N, C-alpha and C. Protein backbone atom coordinates (compact mmCIF):
# COMPACT_ATOMS: atom_id res chain seq x y z
N MET A 1 -3.85 -32.83 20.25
CA MET A 1 -2.82 -31.47 19.90
C MET A 1 -3.56 -30.52 21.15
N ALA A 2 -2.38 -29.49 21.26
CA ALA A 2 -2.79 -28.23 22.41
C ALA A 2 -3.54 -27.17 21.67
N ALA A 3 -4.61 -26.74 22.45
CA ALA A 3 -4.83 -25.48 21.93
C ALA A 3 -4.15 -24.49 21.15
N LYS A 4 -4.46 -23.30 20.26
CA LYS A 4 -3.96 -22.63 19.89
C LYS A 4 -3.51 -21.37 21.00
N GLN A 5 -2.37 -20.94 20.95
CA GLN A 5 -2.56 -19.49 21.58
C GLN A 5 -2.91 -18.37 21.17
N GLN A 6 -3.32 -17.39 21.64
CA GLN A 6 -3.42 -16.19 21.32
C GLN A 6 -2.58 -15.60 20.02
N ASP A 7 -1.29 -15.67 20.38
CA ASP A 7 -0.45 -15.30 19.79
C ASP A 7 -0.03 -15.92 18.11
N GLN A 8 -0.14 -17.60 18.11
CA GLN A 8 -0.38 -18.06 17.31
C GLN A 8 -1.45 -17.73 16.29
N GLU A 9 -2.52 -17.12 17.06
CA GLU A 9 -3.97 -17.07 16.54
C GLU A 9 -3.97 -15.83 15.49
N PHE A 10 -3.44 -15.01 16.31
CA PHE A 10 -3.24 -13.55 16.12
C PHE A 10 -2.54 -13.75 14.33
N VAL A 11 -0.84 -13.82 14.28
CA VAL A 11 -0.22 -14.30 13.38
C VAL A 11 -0.95 -15.09 12.11
N GLU A 12 -1.56 -16.52 12.37
CA GLU A 12 -2.19 -17.15 11.23
C GLU A 12 -3.41 -16.25 10.67
N TYR A 13 -4.31 -15.42 11.48
CA TYR A 13 -5.48 -14.37 11.00
C TYR A 13 -4.66 -13.24 10.00
N ILE A 14 -3.37 -12.52 10.76
CA ILE A 14 -3.26 -11.62 9.35
C ILE A 14 -2.88 -12.44 8.46
N THR A 15 -1.67 -13.19 8.49
CA THR A 15 -2.01 -13.79 7.23
C THR A 15 -2.37 -14.23 6.35
N LYS A 16 -3.52 -15.02 6.67
CA LYS A 16 -4.34 -15.35 5.82
C LYS A 16 -4.79 -14.42 4.98
N ALA A 17 -5.29 -13.26 6.00
CA ALA A 17 -5.87 -12.11 5.57
C ALA A 17 -4.70 -11.18 4.21
N ILE A 18 -3.61 -11.87 3.91
CA ILE A 18 -2.78 -10.91 3.03
C ILE A 18 -2.34 -11.92 1.66
N VAL A 19 -2.89 -13.04 1.82
CA VAL A 19 -1.98 -13.96 1.18
C VAL A 19 -3.30 -14.75 0.10
N ASN A 20 -2.95 -15.13 -1.31
CA ASN A 20 -3.68 -15.72 -1.89
C ASN A 20 -3.88 -16.85 -1.97
N HIS A 21 -3.54 -18.39 -0.70
CA HIS A 21 -3.85 -19.67 -0.58
C HIS A 21 -4.01 -19.83 1.16
N PRO A 22 -5.35 -18.70 1.27
CA PRO A 22 -5.24 -19.04 2.91
C PRO A 22 -5.55 -19.64 3.42
N ASP A 23 -5.72 -21.10 3.03
CA ASP A 23 -6.19 -22.83 3.71
C ASP A 23 -4.27 -22.99 3.84
N ASP A 24 -3.47 -23.12 3.04
CA ASP A 24 -2.48 -22.97 2.71
C ASP A 24 -1.39 -22.38 4.58
N VAL A 25 -2.02 -21.90 5.18
CA VAL A 25 -1.21 -21.17 6.22
C VAL A 25 -1.23 -22.00 7.52
N THR A 26 -0.11 -22.19 7.93
CA THR A 26 -0.21 -23.35 8.94
C THR A 26 1.04 -22.47 10.25
N SER A 27 0.31 -22.76 11.32
CA SER A 27 2.07 -22.25 11.79
C SER A 27 2.15 -23.48 13.16
N ASP A 28 3.13 -23.46 13.37
CA ASP A 28 3.89 -24.46 14.36
C ASP A 28 4.18 -23.50 15.76
N ARG A 29 3.90 -23.74 17.14
CA ARG A 29 4.70 -22.60 18.09
C ARG A 29 5.35 -23.66 19.36
N THR A 30 6.43 -22.93 19.53
CA THR A 30 7.47 -23.74 20.57
C THR A 30 8.18 -23.02 21.55
N VAL A 31 7.92 -23.17 22.82
CA VAL A 31 8.53 -22.43 24.00
C VAL A 31 9.66 -23.27 24.23
N ASP A 32 11.15 -22.25 25.05
CA ASP A 32 11.80 -22.75 25.31
C ASP A 32 12.38 -21.75 26.39
N GLU A 33 13.76 -22.21 26.88
CA GLU A 33 14.31 -20.71 27.81
C GLU A 33 14.40 -19.32 26.92
N MET A 34 14.34 -19.42 25.50
CA MET A 34 14.76 -18.14 24.85
C MET A 34 13.26 -17.29 24.70
N GLY A 35 12.05 -18.17 25.28
CA GLY A 35 10.89 -17.73 24.52
C GLY A 35 9.60 -18.45 23.75
N VAL A 36 8.99 -18.04 22.75
CA VAL A 36 8.17 -18.33 22.32
C VAL A 36 8.72 -18.59 20.62
N LEU A 37 8.64 -19.16 19.81
CA LEU A 37 8.99 -19.54 18.83
C LEU A 37 7.86 -19.86 17.68
N ILE A 38 7.26 -18.70 16.83
CA ILE A 38 6.16 -19.61 15.65
C ILE A 38 7.25 -19.67 14.39
N THR A 39 6.45 -20.79 13.97
CA THR A 39 6.68 -20.93 12.71
C THR A 39 5.91 -20.83 11.66
N LEU A 40 5.81 -20.10 11.13
CA LEU A 40 4.69 -19.69 9.76
C LEU A 40 5.35 -20.50 8.34
N LYS A 41 4.05 -20.92 7.79
CA LYS A 41 3.72 -22.09 6.73
C LYS A 41 3.18 -21.28 5.86
N ILE A 42 3.68 -21.40 4.59
CA ILE A 42 2.85 -20.15 3.98
C ILE A 42 3.04 -21.19 2.14
N ASN A 43 1.87 -21.17 1.26
CA ASN A 43 2.43 -21.03 0.15
C ASN A 43 3.45 -20.98 -0.76
N PRO A 44 4.67 -21.52 -1.40
CA PRO A 44 5.48 -21.02 -2.00
C PRO A 44 5.56 -19.69 -3.00
N GLU A 45 3.58 -19.29 -3.46
CA GLU A 45 3.81 -18.35 -4.29
C GLU A 45 3.26 -17.19 -3.58
N ASP A 46 2.86 -17.45 -2.38
CA ASP A 46 2.70 -16.15 -0.84
C ASP A 46 3.64 -15.82 -0.33
N MET A 47 4.71 -16.18 -0.70
CA MET A 47 6.19 -15.56 0.48
C MET A 47 6.44 -14.23 -0.32
N GLY A 48 5.86 -13.42 -1.57
CA GLY A 48 6.58 -12.23 -1.36
C GLY A 48 5.51 -11.02 -0.91
N TYR A 49 4.23 -11.84 -0.77
CA TYR A 49 2.92 -10.87 0.09
C TYR A 49 3.74 -10.95 2.07
N VAL A 50 4.24 -11.83 2.15
CA VAL A 50 4.17 -11.96 3.74
C VAL A 50 5.30 -11.19 3.77
N ILE A 51 6.38 -11.29 2.77
CA ILE A 51 8.10 -10.79 3.11
C ILE A 51 7.58 -9.06 3.14
N GLY A 52 7.21 -9.09 1.85
CA GLY A 52 6.79 -7.43 1.32
C GLY A 52 8.41 -6.99 0.70
N ARG A 53 7.75 -5.49 0.14
CA ARG A 53 8.99 -4.89 -0.08
C ARG A 53 10.06 -4.54 1.13
N GLN A 54 11.47 -5.34 0.65
CA GLN A 54 12.69 -4.87 1.35
C GLN A 54 12.16 -5.58 3.09
N GLY A 55 11.68 -6.60 3.09
CA GLY A 55 10.95 -7.39 3.75
C GLY A 55 9.96 -6.27 5.34
N GLN A 56 8.96 -5.47 4.36
CA GLN A 56 8.69 -4.35 5.84
C GLN A 56 7.14 -5.17 6.02
N THR A 57 6.85 -6.04 5.53
CA THR A 57 5.45 -6.63 5.75
C THR A 57 5.86 -7.36 6.91
N ALA A 58 7.06 -8.51 6.75
CA ALA A 58 7.29 -9.59 7.93
C ALA A 58 8.01 -8.42 9.56
N ARG A 59 8.54 -7.34 8.77
CA ARG A 59 9.19 -6.58 10.36
C ARG A 59 7.60 -6.17 10.60
N ALA A 60 6.47 -5.52 9.98
CA ALA A 60 5.67 -5.06 11.06
C ALA A 60 4.69 -6.08 11.65
N LEU A 61 4.78 -7.65 10.97
CA LEU A 61 4.06 -8.47 11.25
C LEU A 61 4.79 -8.61 12.62
N ARG A 62 5.98 -9.01 12.44
CA ARG A 62 7.15 -8.85 13.98
C ARG A 62 7.04 -8.04 15.02
N THR A 63 6.57 -7.04 14.81
CA THR A 63 6.64 -5.60 15.05
C THR A 63 5.45 -6.05 16.45
N LEU A 64 3.94 -6.72 15.58
CA LEU A 64 2.86 -6.68 16.15
C LEU A 64 2.70 -7.43 16.98
N LEU A 65 3.15 -8.84 16.51
CA LEU A 65 3.50 -10.38 17.40
C LEU A 65 4.22 -9.67 19.08
N ARG A 66 5.61 -8.53 18.68
CA ARG A 66 6.13 -8.55 20.05
C ARG A 66 5.29 -7.94 20.73
N ILE A 67 4.27 -6.51 20.58
CA ILE A 67 3.23 -6.26 21.33
C ILE A 67 2.86 -7.59 21.92
N VAL A 68 1.95 -8.25 21.02
CA VAL A 68 0.86 -9.24 22.00
C VAL A 68 2.04 -10.20 22.82
N GLY A 69 2.32 -10.66 22.71
CA GLY A 69 3.75 -10.84 23.36
C GLY A 69 4.11 -10.25 24.95
N ALA A 70 4.60 -9.20 24.46
CA ALA A 70 4.45 -8.33 25.94
C ALA A 70 3.33 -7.99 26.73
N LYS A 71 1.93 -8.54 25.92
CA LYS A 71 0.71 -7.96 26.79
C LYS A 71 0.94 -9.36 28.00
N ASN A 72 1.24 -10.22 26.95
CA ASN A 72 0.90 -11.58 27.73
C ASN A 72 2.08 -11.96 28.66
N ASN A 73 3.68 -11.31 28.67
CA ASN A 73 4.77 -11.25 29.91
C ASN A 73 5.40 -12.54 28.83
N ALA A 74 5.17 -12.69 27.66
CA ALA A 74 6.15 -13.19 26.88
C ALA A 74 6.88 -12.54 25.62
N ARG A 75 8.50 -13.18 25.77
CA ARG A 75 9.05 -12.96 24.44
C ARG A 75 8.88 -13.62 22.77
N VAL A 76 7.94 -13.17 22.26
CA VAL A 76 7.70 -13.93 21.15
C VAL A 76 8.37 -13.64 19.81
N ASN A 77 9.02 -14.77 19.33
CA ASN A 77 9.67 -14.16 17.75
C ASN A 77 9.06 -14.97 16.89
N LEU A 78 9.21 -14.79 15.47
CA LEU A 78 8.75 -15.09 14.18
C LEU A 78 9.56 -15.67 13.29
N LYS A 79 9.14 -17.01 12.64
CA LYS A 79 10.19 -17.52 11.65
C LYS A 79 9.28 -17.81 10.66
N ILE A 80 9.59 -17.33 9.52
CA ILE A 80 8.80 -17.46 8.07
C ILE A 80 9.65 -18.92 7.74
N TYR A 81 9.23 -20.05 7.47
CA TYR A 81 9.22 -20.91 6.78
C TYR A 81 9.96 -20.56 5.56
N GLU A 82 10.63 -20.74 4.74
CA GLU A 82 11.02 -20.54 3.27
C GLU A 82 11.35 -21.90 2.60
N PRO A 83 10.06 -22.22 2.06
CA PRO A 83 10.50 -24.12 1.08
C PRO A 83 11.31 -23.74 -0.19
N GLU A 84 11.12 -25.09 -0.42
CA GLU A 84 12.08 -24.49 -1.52
C GLU A 84 10.85 -24.38 -3.22
N GLY A 85 11.49 -23.91 -3.67
CA GLY A 85 10.04 -23.03 -5.13
C GLY A 85 10.01 -22.15 -5.07
N SER A 86 9.94 -20.69 -3.83
CA SER A 86 9.49 -19.51 -3.57
C SER A 86 10.16 -18.60 -4.12
N ARG A 87 9.89 -17.79 -4.37
CA ARG A 87 9.79 -17.22 -5.29
C ARG A 87 10.88 -16.01 -5.18
N ARG A 88 11.21 -15.53 -3.71
CA ARG A 88 12.34 -14.28 -3.23
C ARG A 88 13.76 -15.19 -4.02
N PRO A 89 14.08 -13.55 -4.34
CA PRO A 89 15.29 -14.67 -4.43
C PRO A 89 16.67 -14.62 -3.21
N PRO A 90 17.53 -15.46 -3.41
CA PRO A 90 18.04 -15.70 -2.33
C PRO A 90 19.00 -14.51 -2.09
N ARG A 91 18.95 -13.88 -0.59
CA ARG A 91 19.81 -12.95 -0.39
C ARG A 91 21.02 -12.72 -0.91
N GLY A 92 21.23 -11.36 -1.00
CA GLY A 92 23.00 -11.23 -2.08
C GLY A 92 23.03 -11.11 -3.64
N ALA A 93 21.68 -12.01 -3.49
CA ALA A 93 21.57 -12.32 -5.32
C ALA A 93 21.04 -10.64 -5.99
N ALA A 94 20.29 -9.89 -5.03
CA ALA A 94 19.53 -8.67 -6.12
C ALA A 94 20.84 -7.76 -6.36
N GLY A 95 22.01 -7.40 -5.66
CA GLY A 95 23.10 -6.74 -6.38
C GLY A 95 24.05 -7.73 -7.36
N ALA A 96 23.78 -8.79 -6.79
CA ALA A 96 24.86 -9.48 -8.43
C ALA A 96 24.38 -9.70 -9.70
N SER A 97 23.33 -9.13 -9.73
CA SER A 97 22.85 -9.04 -10.85
C SER A 97 22.86 -7.60 -11.89
N GLU A 98 23.18 -6.91 -11.10
CA GLU A 98 23.65 -5.57 -11.20
C GLU A 98 24.94 -5.22 -11.94
N HIS A 99 25.28 -5.30 -13.13
CA HIS A 99 26.67 -4.97 -13.52
C HIS A 99 26.57 -3.91 -14.42
N VAL A 100 27.35 -3.08 -14.42
CA VAL A 100 28.06 -1.81 -15.17
C VAL A 100 29.22 -1.86 -15.87
N ASP A 101 28.78 -1.70 -17.14
CA ASP A 101 29.74 -1.62 -18.07
C ASP A 101 30.41 -0.55 -18.57
N THR A 102 31.88 -0.43 -17.68
CA THR A 102 32.53 0.76 -17.99
C THR A 102 33.68 0.73 -19.38
N SER A 103 33.16 -0.25 -19.90
CA SER A 103 34.31 0.26 -20.83
C SER A 103 34.57 1.13 -21.72
N ALA A 104 33.04 1.92 -22.12
CA ALA A 104 33.01 2.86 -22.57
C ALA A 104 34.00 4.26 -21.86
N VAL A 105 33.77 4.63 -21.16
CA VAL A 105 34.33 5.02 -20.00
C VAL A 105 35.89 5.02 -19.73
N ASP A 106 36.94 4.08 -20.26
CA ASP A 106 37.90 4.03 -20.31
C ASP A 106 38.32 4.90 -21.18
N ASP A 107 38.34 5.36 -22.12
CA ASP A 107 38.94 6.24 -23.10
C ASP A 107 38.39 8.10 -22.75
N ILE A 108 37.69 7.90 -22.20
CA ILE A 108 37.90 9.49 -21.46
C ILE A 108 39.09 9.95 -20.65
N GLN A 109 39.42 11.38 -20.78
CA GLN A 109 40.76 11.41 -20.10
C GLN A 109 40.57 13.06 -19.91
N ILE A 110 40.56 13.08 -18.36
CA ILE A 110 40.54 14.22 -17.52
C ILE A 110 41.74 15.36 -17.86
């Protein structure tokens, strides 16, 4: 197994600091013509901590990772592996549950 690179160690270090199950944090690093892809795997219960509200934590982590990559002249991207059973609702599900009852409004005349 190859030694972990600086960008991969950085992602794991930050992630382990914010989750409840740091022993479950692992990452895979692949390099191709598009650059470096780090796939982060975490405990499904910690998905909310890593994603953050409206993706703010994940976005910040990706921004910092790009800076680390730029320092080493590499394009680095982060993919967060979302296992079955994670608590985050599927995309688009947040607005689907909000239903406005307009039946009482139909009788009003202006």
